[in-house]
């Protein structure tokens, strides 16, 4: 499996950005990536007030690399960048060594509100 991380800094983001990002992910972005061809899963991570990140895991390096290249072209104008008020601070690819599913199972959908 092949990963991609895209991270934005929230250090200079306006008040309410954390809430706006959570609402955007729950209301729009989650549906956009559910069932996406070549994508195994995507996780949205945040440390409120510090950073916001999309972490993607793709089936093939080609699928990951194609998505990474296309996203890099529009990253500064992406919905996340518009909400945050700045472009991502980094975008990096990585290899996934393994994924373990715990006894509680894998749950797709929104996280805590």
PDB file of N, CA and C in Angstrom:
ATOM      1  N   UNK A   1       0.846  -1.171   0.000  1.00  0.00           N
ATOM      2  CA  UNK A   1       0.000   0.000   0.000  1.00  0.00           C
ATOM      3  C   UNK A   1       0.893   1.236   0.000  1.00  0.00           C
ATOM      4  N   UNK A   2       0.311   2.332  -0.464  1.00  0.00           N
ATOM      5  CA  UNK A   2       1.087   3.529  -0.726  1.00  0.00           C
ATOM      6  C   UNK A   2       0.356   4.753  -0.189  1.00  0.00           C
ATOM      7  N   UNK A   3       1.048   5.530   0.646  1.00  0.00           N
ATOM      8  CA  UNK A   3       0.407   6.633   1.342  1.00  0.00           C
ATOM      9  C   UNK A   3       0.812   8.007   0.855  1.00  0.00           C
ATOM     10  N   UNK A   4      -0.026   8.945   1.227  1.00  0.00           N
ATOM     11  CA  UNK A   4       0.194  10.366   0.959  1.00  0.00           C
ATOM     12  C   UNK A   4      -0.339  11.139   2.156  1.00  0.00           C
ATOM     13  N   UNK A   5       0.450  12.084   2.651  1.00  0.00           N
ATOM     14  CA  UNK A   5       0.000  12.992   3.707  1.00  0.00           C
ATOM     15  C   UNK A   5       0.045  14.417   3.186  1.00  0.00           C
ATOM     16  N   UNK A   6      -1.004  15.164   3.480  1.00  0.00           N
ATOM     17  CA  UNK A   6      -1.064  16.587   3.141  1.00  0.00           C
ATOM     18  C   UNK A   6      -1.430  17.315   4.429  1.00  0.00           C
ATOM     19  N   UNK A   7      -0.570  18.249   4.841  1.00  0.00           N
ATOM     20  CA  UNK A   7      -0.783  18.932   6.126  1.00  0.00           C
ATOM     21  C   UNK A   7      -0.805  20.443   5.953  1.00  0.00           C
ATOM     22  N   UNK A   8      -1.739  21.041   6.682  1.00  0.00           N
ATOM     23  CA  UNK A   8      -1.860  22.494   6.758  1.00  0.00           C
ATOM     24  C   UNK A   8      -1.539  22.923   8.178  1.00  0.00           C
ATOM     25  N   UNK A   9      -0.929  24.071   8.345  1.00  0.00           N
ATOM     26  CA  UNK A   9      -0.747  24.675   9.658  1.00  0.00           C
ATOM     27  C   UNK A   9      -2.016  25.440  10.016  1.00  0.00           C
ATOM     28  N   UNK A  10      -2.415  25.331  11.261  1.00  0.00           N
ATOM     29  CA  UNK A  10      -3.554  26.108  11.758  1.00  0.00           C
ATOM     30  C   UNK A  10      -3.101  27.250  12.668  1.00  0.00           C
ATOM     31  N   UNK A  11      -1.791  27.461  12.747  1.00  0.00           N
ATOM     32  CA  UNK A  11      -1.247  28.459  13.672  1.00  0.00           C
ATOM     33  C   UNK A  11      -1.790  29.863  13.414  1.00  0.00           C
ATOM     34  N   UNK A  12      -2.008  30.218  12.160  1.00  0.00           N
ATOM     35  CA  UNK A  12      -2.508  31.559  11.825  1.00  0.00           C
ATOM     36  C   UNK A  12      -3.930  31.533  11.279  1.00  0.00           C
ATOM     37  N   UNK A  13      -4.592  30.405  11.417  1.00  0.00           N
ATOM     38  CA  UNK A  13      -5.955  30.271  10.887  1.00  0.00           C
ATOM     39  C   UNK A  13      -6.937  31.103  11.717  1.00  0.00           C
ATOM     40  N   UNK A  14      -7.993  31.587  11.079  1.00  0.00           N
ATOM     41  CA  UNK A  14      -8.978  32.381  11.812  1.00  0.00           C
ATOM     42  C   UNK A  14      -9.725  31.566  12.875  1.00  0.00           C
ATOM     43  N   UNK A  15     -10.294  32.250  13.839  1.00  0.00           N
ATOM     44  CA  UNK A  15     -11.135  31.593  14.845  1.00  0.00           C
ATOM     45  C   UNK A  15     -12.260  30.835  14.145  1.00  0.00           C
ATOM     46  N   UNK A  16     -12.591  29.685  14.654  1.00  0.00           N
ATOM     47  CA  UNK A  16     -13.675  28.893  14.088  1.00  0.00           C
ATOM     48  C   UNK A  16     -13.237  27.940  12.985  1.00  0.00           C
ATOM     49  N   UNK A  17     -11.934  27.962  12.629  1.00  0.00           N
ATOM     50  CA  UNK A  17     -11.449  27.109  11.542  1.00  0.00           C
ATOM     51  C   UNK A  17     -11.609  25.633  11.868  1.00  0.00           C
ATOM     52  N   UNK A  18     -11.300  25.235  13.097  1.00  0.00           N
ATOM     53  CA  UNK A  18     -11.424  23.819  13.472  1.00  0.00           C
ATOM     54  C   UNK A  18     -12.849  23.322  13.257  1.00  0.00           C
ATOM     55  N   UNK A  19     -13.822  24.105  13.681  1.00  0.00           N
ATOM     56  CA  UNK A  19     -15.230  23.735  13.509  1.00  0.00           C
ATOM     57  C   UNK A  19     -15.603  23.711  12.034  1.00  0.00           C
ATOM     58  N   UNK A  20     -15.158  24.699  11.279  1.00  0.00           N
ATOM     59  CA  UNK A  20     -15.465  24.758   9.846  1.00  0.00           C
ATOM     60  C   UNK A  20     -14.868  23.566   9.105  1.00  0.00           C
ATOM     61  N   UNK A  21     -13.654  23.162   9.462  1.00  0.00           N
ATOM     62  CA  UNK A  21     -13.035  22.001   8.824  1.00  0.00           C
ATOM     63  C   UNK A  21     -13.804  20.727   9.142  1.00  0.00           C
ATOM     64  N   UNK A  22     -14.165  20.553  10.398  1.00  0.00           N
ATOM     65  CA  UNK A  22     -14.922  19.360  10.799  1.00  0.00           C
ATOM     66  C   UNK A  22     -16.253  19.290  10.043  1.00  0.00           C
ATOM     67  N   UNK A  23     -16.943  20.421   9.932  1.00  0.00           N
ATOM     68  CA  UNK A  23     -18.216  20.452   9.208  1.00  0.00           C
ATOM     69  C   UNK A  23     -18.013  20.147   7.728  1.00  0.00           C
ATOM     70  N   UNK A  24     -16.962  20.707   7.125  1.00  0.00           N
ATOM     71  CA  UNK A  24     -16.684  20.442   5.714  1.00  0.00           C
ATOM     72  C   UNK A  24     -16.394  18.953   5.491  1.00  0.00           C
ATOM     73  N   UNK A  25     -15.573  18.366   6.338  1.00  0.00           N
ATOM     74  CA  UNK A  25     -15.255  16.940   6.185  1.00  0.00           C
ATOM     75  C   UNK A  25     -16.520  16.102   6.336  1.00  0.00           C
ATOM     76  N   UNK A  26     -17.281  16.334   7.386  1.00  0.00           N
ATOM     77  CA  UNK A  26     -18.485  15.537   7.634  1.00  0.00           C
ATOM     78  C   UNK A  26     -19.536  15.729   6.545  1.00  0.00           C
ATOM     79  N   UNK A  27     -19.729  16.971   6.088  1.00  0.00           N
ATOM     80  CA  UNK A  27     -20.828  17.283   5.165  1.00  0.00           C
ATOM     81  C   UNK A  27     -20.480  17.083   3.693  1.00  0.00           C
ATOM     82  N   UNK A  28     -19.196  17.167   3.327  1.00  0.00           N
ATOM     83  CA  UNK A  28     -18.819  17.173   1.907  1.00  0.00           C
ATOM     84  C   UNK A  28     -17.690  16.206   1.571  1.00  0.00           C
ATOM     85  N   UNK A  29     -16.559  16.352   2.236  1.00  0.00           N
ATOM     86  CA  UNK A  29     -15.355  15.634   1.837  1.00  0.00           C
ATOM     87  C   UNK A  29     -15.471  14.127   2.055  1.00  0.00           C
ATOM     88  N   UNK A  30     -16.094  13.720   3.118  1.00  0.00           N
ATOM     89  CA  UNK A  30     -16.258  12.295   3.400  1.00  0.00           C
ATOM     90  C   UNK A  30     -16.943  11.581   2.235  1.00  0.00           C
ATOM     91  N   UNK A  31     -17.998  12.154   1.712  1.00  0.00           N
ATOM     92  CA  UNK A  31     -18.714  11.549   0.580  1.00  0.00           C
ATOM     93  C   UNK A  31     -17.863  11.548  -0.681  1.00  0.00           C
ATOM     94  N   UNK A  32     -17.058  12.583  -0.871  1.00  0.00           N
ATOM     95  CA  UNK A  32     -16.219  12.674  -2.079  1.00  0.00           C
ATOM     96  C   UNK A  32     -15.234  11.523  -2.162  1.00  0.00           C
ATOM     97  N   UNK A  33     -14.665  11.115  -1.030  1.00  0.00           N
ATOM     98  CA  UNK A  33     -13.628  10.091  -1.046  1.00  0.00           C
ATOM     99  C   UNK A  33     -14.164   8.678  -0.798  1.00  0.00           C
ATOM    100  N   UNK A  34     -15.356   8.544  -0.299  1.00  0.00           N
ATOM    101  CA  UNK A  34     -15.935   7.223  -0.090  1.00  0.00           C
ATOM    102  C   UNK A  34     -16.146   6.551  -1.438  1.00  0.00           C
ATOM    103  N   UNK A  35     -15.543   5.385  -1.619  1.00  0.00           N
ATOM    104  CA  UNK A  35     -15.671   4.641  -2.868  1.00  0.00           C
ATOM    105  C   UNK A  35     -14.757   5.100  -3.985  1.00  0.00           C
ATOM    106  N   UNK A  36     -13.817   6.014  -3.701  1.00  0.00           N
ATOM    107  CA  UNK A  36     -12.906   6.534  -4.730  1.00  0.00           C
ATOM    108  C   UNK A  36     -12.044   5.412  -5.295  1.00  0.00           C
ATOM    109  N   UNK A  37     -11.979   5.344  -6.605  1.00  0.00           N
ATOM    110  CA  UNK A  37     -11.180   4.333  -7.309  1.00  0.00           C
ATOM    111  C   UNK A  37      -9.712   4.413  -6.901  1.00  0.00           C
ATOM    112  N   UNK A  38      -9.138   3.278  -6.536  1.00  0.00           N
ATOM    113  CA  UNK A  38      -7.726   3.188  -6.191  1.00  0.00           C
ATOM    114  C   UNK A  38      -7.390   3.546  -4.751  1.00  0.00           C
ATOM    115  N   UNK A  39      -8.338   4.144  -4.031  1.00  0.00           N
ATOM    116  CA  UNK A  39      -8.104   4.559  -2.641  1.00  0.00           C
ATOM    117  C   UNK A  39      -8.534   3.448  -1.687  1.00  0.00           C
ATOM    118  N   UNK A  40      -7.652   3.029  -0.818  1.00  0.00           N
ATOM    119  CA  UNK A  40      -8.011   2.059   0.226  1.00  0.00           C
ATOM    120  C   UNK A  40      -8.779   2.765   1.346  1.00  0.00           C
ATOM    121  N   UNK A  41      -8.211   3.875   1.846  1.00  0.00           N
ATOM    122  CA  UNK A  41      -8.908   4.671   2.855  1.00  0.00           C
ATOM    123  C   UNK A  41      -8.253   6.035   2.977  1.00  0.00           C
ATOM    124  N   UNK A  42      -9.003   6.963   3.540  1.00  0.00           N
ATOM    125  CA  UNK A  42      -8.493   8.290   3.864  1.00  0.00           C
ATOM    126  C   UNK A  42      -8.867   8.591   5.302  1.00  0.00           C
ATOM    127  N   UNK A  43      -7.943   9.204   6.002  1.00  0.00           N
ATOM    128  CA  UNK A  43      -8.173   9.631   7.374  1.00  0.00           C
ATOM    129  C   UNK A  43      -7.890  11.133   7.459  1.00  0.00           C
ATOM    130  N   UNK A  44      -8.780  11.855   8.089  1.00  0.00           N
ATOM    131  CA  UNK A  44      -8.577  13.276   8.351  1.00  0.00           C
ATOM    132  C   UNK A  44      -8.143  13.392   9.799  1.00  0.00           C
ATOM    133  N   UNK A  45      -7.020  14.050  10.040  1.00  0.00           N
ATOM    134  CA  UNK A  45      -6.492  14.174  11.399  1.00  0.00           C
ATOM    135  C   UNK A  45      -6.314  15.645  11.731  1.00  0.00           C
ATOM    136  N   UNK A  46      -6.467  15.969  13.009  1.00  0.00           N
ATOM    137  CA  UNK A  46      -6.247  17.350  13.433  1.00  0.00           C
ATOM    138  C   UNK A  46      -5.724  17.407  14.859  1.00  0.00           C
ATOM    139  N   UNK A  47      -4.931  18.415  15.099  1.00  0.00           N
ATOM    140  CA  UNK A  47      -4.599  18.870  16.452  1.00  0.00           C
ATOM    141  C   UNK A  47      -5.139  20.285  16.456  1.00  0.00           C
ATOM    142  N   UNK A  48      -6.354  20.466  17.009  1.00  0.00           N
ATOM    143  CA  UNK A  48      -7.014  21.772  16.934  1.00  0.00           C
ATOM    144  C   UNK A  48      -6.086  22.930  17.299  1.00  0.00           C
ATOM    145  N   UNK A  49      -6.104  23.920  16.418  1.00  0.00           N
ATOM    146  CA  UNK A  49      -5.270  25.091  16.613  1.00  0.00           C
ATOM    147  C   UNK A  49      -3.818  24.914  16.192  1.00  0.00           C
ATOM    148  N   UNK A  50      -3.416  23.683  15.864  1.00  0.00           N
ATOM    149  CA  UNK A  50      -2.030  23.410  15.484  1.00  0.00           C
ATOM    150  C   UNK A  50      -1.915  23.000  14.017  1.00  0.00           C
ATOM    151  N   UNK A  51      -2.571  21.884  13.625  1.00  0.00           N
ATOM    152  CA  UNK A  51      -2.489  21.429  12.241  1.00  0.00           C
ATOM    153  C   UNK A  51      -3.706  20.588  11.867  1.00  0.00           C
ATOM    154  N   UNK A  52      -3.914  20.476  10.558  1.00  0.00           N
ATOM    155  CA  UNK A  52      -4.973  19.655   9.966  1.00  0.00           C
ATOM    156  C   UNK A  52      -4.330  18.853   8.851  1.00  0.00           C
ATOM    157  N   UNK A  53      -4.677  17.562   8.755  1.00  0.00           N
ATOM    158  CA  UNK A  53      -4.002  16.701   7.783  1.00  0.00           C
ATOM    159  C   UNK A  53      -4.958  15.699   7.159  1.00  0.00           C
ATOM    160  N   UNK A  54      -4.765  15.475   5.869  1.00  0.00           N
ATOM    161  CA  UNK A  54      -5.404  14.370   5.170  1.00  0.00           C
ATOM    162  C   UNK A  54      -4.360  13.299   4.938  1.00  0.00           C
ATOM    163  N   UNK A  55      -4.662  12.067   5.351  1.00  0.00           N
ATOM    164  CA  UNK A  55      -3.761  10.942   5.145  1.00  0.00           C
ATOM    165  C   UNK A  55      -4.491   9.930   4.276  1.00  0.00           C
ATOM    166  N   UNK A  56      -3.904   9.625   3.129  1.00  0.00           N
ATOM    167  CA  UNK A  56      -4.505   8.750   2.132  1.00  0.00           C
ATOM    168  C   UNK A  56      -3.685   7.475   2.015  1.00  0.00           C
ATOM    169  N   UNK A  57      -4.349   6.352   1.819  1.00  0.00           N
ATOM    170  CA  UNK A  57      -3.663   5.099   1.519  1.00  0.00           C
ATOM    171  C   UNK A  57      -4.280   4.528   0.251  1.00  0.00           C
ATOM    172  N   UNK A  58      -3.425   4.334  -0.752  1.00  0.00           N
ATOM    173  CA  UNK A  58      -3.844   3.859  -2.066  1.00  0.00           C
ATOM    174  C   UNK A  58      -3.415   2.422  -2.298  1.00  0.00           C
ATOM    175  N   UNK A  59      -4.102   1.766  -3.206  1.00  0.00           N
ATOM    176  CA  UNK A  59      -3.809   0.385  -3.571  1.00  0.00           C
ATOM    177  C   UNK A  59      -2.474   0.271  -4.306  1.00  0.00           C
ATOM    178  N   UNK A  60      -2.182   1.229  -5.186  1.00  0.00           N
ATOM    179  CA  UNK A  60      -0.961   1.172  -5.984  1.00  0.00           C
ATOM    180  C   UNK A  60      -0.198   2.495  -5.898  1.00  0.00           C
ATOM    181  N   UNK A  61       1.097   2.413  -6.180  1.00  0.00           N
ATOM    182  CA  UNK A  61       1.907   3.627  -6.225  1.00  0.00           C
ATOM    183  C   UNK A  61       1.443   4.534  -7.353  1.00  0.00           C
ATOM    184  N   UNK A  62       1.021   3.945  -8.461  1.00  0.00           N
ATOM    185  CA  UNK A  62       0.562   4.749  -9.601  1.00  0.00           C
ATOM    186  C   UNK A  62      -0.675   5.564  -9.222  1.00  0.00           C
ATOM    187  N   UNK A  63      -1.627   4.953  -8.511  1.00  0.00           N
ATOM    188  CA  UNK A  63      -2.837   5.675  -8.090  1.00  0.00           C
ATOM    189  C   UNK A  63      -2.465   6.797  -7.125  1.00  0.00           C
ATOM    190  N   UNK A  64      -1.577   6.507  -6.183  1.00  0.00           N
ATOM    191  CA  UNK A  64      -1.137   7.518  -5.222  1.00  0.00           C
ATOM    192  C   UNK A  64      -0.429   8.669  -5.927  1.00  0.00           C
ATOM    193  N   UNK A  65       0.501   8.324  -6.811  1.00  0.00           N
ATOM    194  CA  UNK A  65       1.297   9.347  -7.480  1.00  0.00           C
ATOM    195  C   UNK A  65       0.452  10.227  -8.396  1.00  0.00           C
ATOM    196  N   UNK A  66      -0.531   9.620  -9.069  1.00  0.00           N
ATOM    197  CA  UNK A  66      -1.419  10.405  -9.937  1.00  0.00           C
ATOM    198  C   UNK A  66      -2.244  11.378  -9.102  1.00  0.00           C
ATOM    199  N   UNK A  67      -2.797  10.900  -7.979  1.00  0.00           N
ATOM    200  CA  UNK A  67      -3.581  11.776  -7.119  1.00  0.00           C
ATOM    201  C   UNK A  67      -2.694  12.879  -6.535  1.00  0.00           C
ATOM    202  N   UNK A  68      -1.496  12.510  -6.054  1.00  0.00           N
ATOM    203  CA  UNK A  68      -0.585  13.494  -5.454  1.00  0.00           C
ATOM    204  C   UNK A  68      -0.232  14.590  -6.450  1.00  0.00           C
ATOM    205  N   UNK A  69       0.048  14.217  -7.683  1.00  0.00           N
ATOM    206  CA  UNK A  69       0.404  15.211  -8.705  1.00  0.00           C
ATOM    207  C   UNK A  69      -0.766  16.127  -9.014  1.00  0.00           C
ATOM    208  N   UNK A  70      -1.957  15.549  -9.145  1.00  0.00           N
ATOM    209  CA  UNK A  70      -3.121  16.384  -9.468  1.00  0.00           C
ATOM    210  C   UNK A  70      -3.489  17.286  -8.289  1.00  0.00           C
ATOM    211  N   UNK A  71      -3.359  16.788  -7.064  1.00  0.00           N
ATOM    212  CA  UNK A  71      -3.680  17.615  -5.913  1.00  0.00           C
ATOM    213  C   UNK A  71      -2.663  18.742  -5.744  1.00  0.00           C
ATOM    214  N   UNK A  72      -1.394  18.457  -5.988  1.00  0.00           N
ATOM    215  CA  UNK A  72      -0.356  19.488  -5.845  1.00  0.00           C
ATOM    216  C   UNK A  72      -0.650  20.690  -6.738  1.00  0.00           C
ATOM    217  N   UNK A  73      -1.249  20.450  -7.891  1.00  0.00           N
ATOM    218  CA  UNK A  73      -1.566  21.538  -8.824  1.00  0.00           C
ATOM    219  C   UNK A  73      -2.663  22.468  -8.300  1.00  0.00           C
ATOM    220  N   UNK A  74      -3.556  21.956  -7.460  1.00  0.00           N
ATOM    221  CA  UNK A  74      -4.708  22.743  -7.004  1.00  0.00           C
ATOM    222  C   UNK A  74      -4.732  22.945  -5.485  1.00  0.00           C
ATOM    223  N   UNK A  75      -3.711  22.465  -4.790  1.00  0.00           N
ATOM    224  CA  UNK A  75      -3.715  22.470  -3.321  1.00  0.00           C
ATOM    225  C   UNK A  75      -3.986  23.840  -2.722  1.00  0.00           C
ATOM    226  N   UNK A  76      -3.386  24.876  -3.275  1.00  0.00           N
ATOM    227  CA  UNK A  76      -3.548  26.216  -2.711  1.00  0.00           C
ATOM    228  C   UNK A  76      -4.971  26.733  -2.841  1.00  0.00           C
ATOM    229  N   UNK A  77      -5.729  26.215  -3.805  1.00  0.00           N
ATOM    230  CA  UNK A  77      -7.116  26.635  -4.018  1.00  0.00           C
ATOM    231  C   UNK A  77      -8.126  25.595  -3.566  1.00  0.00           C
ATOM    232  N   UNK A  78      -7.673  24.539  -2.878  1.00  0.00           N
ATOM    233  CA  UNK A  78      -8.570  23.479  -2.424  1.00  0.00           C
ATOM    234  C   UNK A  78      -9.505  23.996  -1.333  1.00  0.00           C
ATOM    235  N   UNK A  79     -10.627  23.319  -1.123  1.00  0.00           N
ATOM    236  CA  UNK A  79     -11.543  23.762  -0.060  1.00  0.00           C
ATOM    237  C   UNK A  79     -10.868  23.875   1.307  1.00  0.00           C
ATOM    238  N   UNK A  80      -9.995  22.922   1.652  1.00  0.00           N
ATOM    239  CA  UNK A  80      -9.298  23.003   2.933  1.00  0.00           C
ATOM    240  C   UNK A  80      -8.447  24.264   3.040  1.00  0.00           C
ATOM    241  N   UNK A  81      -7.739  24.579   1.973  1.00  0.00           N
ATOM    242  CA  UNK A  81      -6.899  25.791   1.967  1.00  0.00           C
ATOM    243  C   UNK A  81      -7.746  27.047   2.090  1.00  0.00           C
ATOM    244  N   UNK A  82      -8.897  27.050   1.448  1.00  0.00           N
ATOM    245  CA  UNK A  82      -9.783  28.214   1.542  1.00  0.00           C
ATOM    246  C   UNK A  82     -10.315  28.383   2.960  1.00  0.00           C
ATOM    247  N   UNK A  83     -10.683  27.290   3.599  1.00  0.00           N
ATOM    248  CA  UNK A  83     -11.184  27.358   4.976  1.00  0.00           C
ATOM    249  C   UNK A  83     -10.083  27.827   5.922  1.00  0.00           C
ATOM    250  N   UNK A  84      -8.883  27.292   5.738  1.00  0.00           N
ATOM    251  CA  UNK A  84      -7.755  27.593   6.628  1.00  0.00           C
ATOM    252  C   UNK A  84      -7.164  28.969   6.337  1.00  0.00           C
ATOM    253  N   UNK A  85      -7.201  29.374   5.073  1.00  0.00           N
ATOM    254  CA  UNK A  85      -6.647  30.664   4.689  1.00  0.00           C
ATOM    255  C   UNK A  85      -5.210  30.588   4.210  1.00  0.00           C
ATOM    256  N   UNK A  86      -4.721  29.365   3.985  1.00  0.00           N
ATOM    257  CA  UNK A  86      -3.355  29.190   3.482  1.00  0.00           C
ATOM    258  C   UNK A  86      -3.224  27.812   2.845  1.00  0.00           C
ATOM    259  N   UNK A  87      -2.197  27.666   2.019  1.00  0.00           N
ATOM    260  CA  UNK A  87      -1.911  26.405   1.342  1.00  0.00           C
ATOM    261  C   UNK A  87      -1.297  25.394   2.320  1.00  0.00           C
ATOM    262  N   UNK A  88      -1.270  24.116   1.944  1.00  0.00           N
ATOM    263  CA  UNK A  88      -0.605  23.126   2.799  1.00  0.00           C
ATOM    264  C   UNK A  88       0.865  23.480   3.027  1.00  0.00           C
ATOM    265  N   UNK A  89       1.377  23.111   4.189  1.00  0.00           N
ATOM    266  CA  UNK A  89       2.782  23.349   4.495  1.00  0.00           C
ATOM    267  C   UNK A  89       3.652  22.209   3.995  1.00  0.00           C
ATOM    268  N   UNK A  90       3.061  21.019   3.799  1.00  0.00           N
ATOM    269  CA  UNK A  90       3.802  19.949   3.140  1.00  0.00           C
ATOM    270  C   UNK A  90       2.870  18.902   2.576  1.00  0.00           C
ATOM    271  N   UNK A  91       3.419  18.196   1.582  1.00  0.00           N
ATOM    272  CA  UNK A  91       2.756  17.049   0.966  1.00  0.00           C
ATOM    273  C   UNK A  91       3.850  16.016   0.770  1.00  0.00           C
ATOM    274  N   UNK A  92       3.678  14.817   1.356  1.00  0.00           N
ATOM    275  CA  UNK A  92       4.712  13.803   1.220  1.00  0.00           C
ATOM    276  C   UNK A  92       4.120  12.423   0.989  1.00  0.00           C
ATOM    277  N   UNK A  93       4.837  11.624   0.221  1.00  0.00           N
ATOM    278  CA  UNK A  93       4.432  10.249  -0.033  1.00  0.00           C
ATOM    279  C   UNK A  93       5.183   9.323   0.909  1.00  0.00           C
ATOM    280  N   UNK A  94       4.622   8.134   1.130  1.00  0.00           N
ATOM    281  CA  UNK A  94       5.269   7.145   1.984  1.00  0.00           C
ATOM    282  C   UNK A  94       4.749   5.757   1.628  1.00  0.00           C
ATOM    283  N   UNK A  95       5.455   4.739   2.066  1.00  0.00           N
ATOM    284  CA  UNK A  95       5.011   3.359   1.899  1.00  0.00           C
ATOM    285  C   UNK A  95       4.356   2.904   3.195  1.00  0.00           C
ATOM    286  N   UNK A  96       3.273   2.167   3.082  1.00  0.00           N
ATOM    287  CA  UNK A  96       2.599   1.603   4.248  1.00  0.00           C
ATOM    288  C   UNK A  96       3.162   0.198   4.448  1.00  0.00           C
ATOM    289  N   UNK A  97       3.774  -0.047   5.567  1.00  0.00           N
ATOM    290  CA  UNK A  97       4.389  -1.335   5.858  1.00  0.00           C
ATOM    291  C   UNK A  97       3.323  -2.376   6.180  1.00  0.00           C
ATOM    292  N   UNK A  98       2.302  -1.994   6.947  1.00  0.00           N
ATOM    293  CA  UNK A  98       1.235  -2.923   7.318  1.00  0.00           C
ATOM    294  C   UNK A  98       0.097  -2.144   7.954  1.00  0.00           C
ATOM    295  N   UNK A  99      -1.082  -2.736   7.941  1.00  0.00           N
ATOM    296  CA  UNK A  99      -2.249  -2.196   8.635  1.00  0.00           C
ATOM    297  C   UNK A  99      -2.862  -3.343   9.427  1.00  0.00           C
ATOM    298  N   UNK A 100      -3.083  -3.148  10.700  1.00  0.00           N
ATOM    299  CA  UNK A 100      -3.715  -4.150  11.546  1.00  0.00           C
ATOM    300  C   UNK A 100      -5.111  -3.675  11.921  1.00  0.00           C
ATOM    301  N   UNK A 101      -6.079  -4.568  11.851  1.00  0.00           N
ATOM    302  CA  UNK A 101      -7.437  -4.253  12.297  1.00  0.00           C
ATOM    303  C   UNK A 101      -7.619  -4.847  13.688  1.00  0.00           C
ATOM    304  N   UNK A 102      -7.945  -4.004  14.655  1.00  0.00           N
ATOM    305  CA  UNK A 102      -8.129  -4.452  16.026  1.00  0.00           C
ATOM    306  C   UNK A 102      -9.456  -5.165  16.236  1.00  0.00           C
ATOM    307  N   UNK A 103      -9.672  -5.655  17.425  1.00  0.00           N
ATOM    308  CA  UNK A 103     -10.887  -6.419  17.725  1.00  0.00           C
ATOM    309  C   UNK A 103     -12.152  -5.575  17.638  1.00  0.00           C
ATOM    310  N   UNK A 104     -12.011  -4.273  17.746  1.00  0.00           N
ATOM    311  CA  UNK A 104     -13.183  -3.395  17.629  1.00  0.00           C
ATOM    312  C   UNK A 104     -13.588  -3.179  16.180  1.00  0.00           C
ATOM    313  N   UNK A 105     -12.748  -3.610  15.239  1.00  0.00           N
ATOM    314  CA  UNK A 105     -13.087  -3.488  13.824  1.00  0.00           C
ATOM    315  C   UNK A 105     -12.819  -2.098  13.279  1.00  0.00           C
ATOM    316  N   UNK A 106     -12.922  -1.980  11.967  1.00  0.00           N
ATOM    317  CA  UNK A 106     -12.694  -0.716  11.262  1.00  0.00           C
ATOM    318  C   UNK A 106     -14.026  -0.006  11.136  1.00  0.00           C
ATOM    319  N   UNK A 107     -14.064   1.257  11.488  1.00  0.00           N
ATOM    320  CA  UNK A 107     -15.299   2.040  11.388  1.00  0.00           C
ATOM    321  C   UNK A 107     -15.083   3.210  10.439  1.00  0.00           C
ATOM    322  N   UNK A 108     -15.868   3.262   9.386  1.00  0.00           N
ATOM    323  CA  UNK A 108     -15.814   4.395   8.466  1.00  0.00           C
ATOM    324  C   UNK A 108     -16.867   5.407   8.882  1.00  0.00           C
ATOM    325  N   UNK A 109     -16.606   6.672   8.599  1.00  0.00           N
ATOM    326  CA  UNK A 109     -17.581   7.717   8.905  1.00  0.00           C
ATOM    327  C   UNK A 109     -16.987   8.771   9.797  1.00  0.00           C
ATOM    328  N   UNK A 110     -17.812   9.743  10.198  1.00  0.00           N
ATOM    329  CA  UNK A 110     -17.310  10.866  10.991  1.00  0.00           C
ATOM    330  C   UNK A 110     -16.849  10.428  12.372  1.00  0.00           C
ATOM    331  N   UNK A 111     -15.865  11.165  12.874  1.00  0.00           N
ATOM    332  CA  UNK A 111     -15.353  10.922  14.221  1.00  0.00           C
ATOM    333  C   UNK A 111     -16.089  11.785  15.230  1.00  0.00           C
ATOM    334  N   UNK A 112     -15.490  12.031  16.373  1.00  0.00           N
ATOM    335  CA  UNK A 112     -16.151  12.785  17.430  1.00  0.00           C
ATOM    336  C   UNK A 112     -16.497  14.206  16.975  1.00  0.00           C
ATOM    337  N   UNK A 113     -17.579  14.697  17.488  1.00  0.00           N
ATOM    338  CA  UNK A 113     -18.034  16.043  17.137  1.00  0.00           C
ATOM    339  C   UNK A 113     -17.489  17.028  18.135  1.00  0.00           C
TER     340      UNK A 113
END
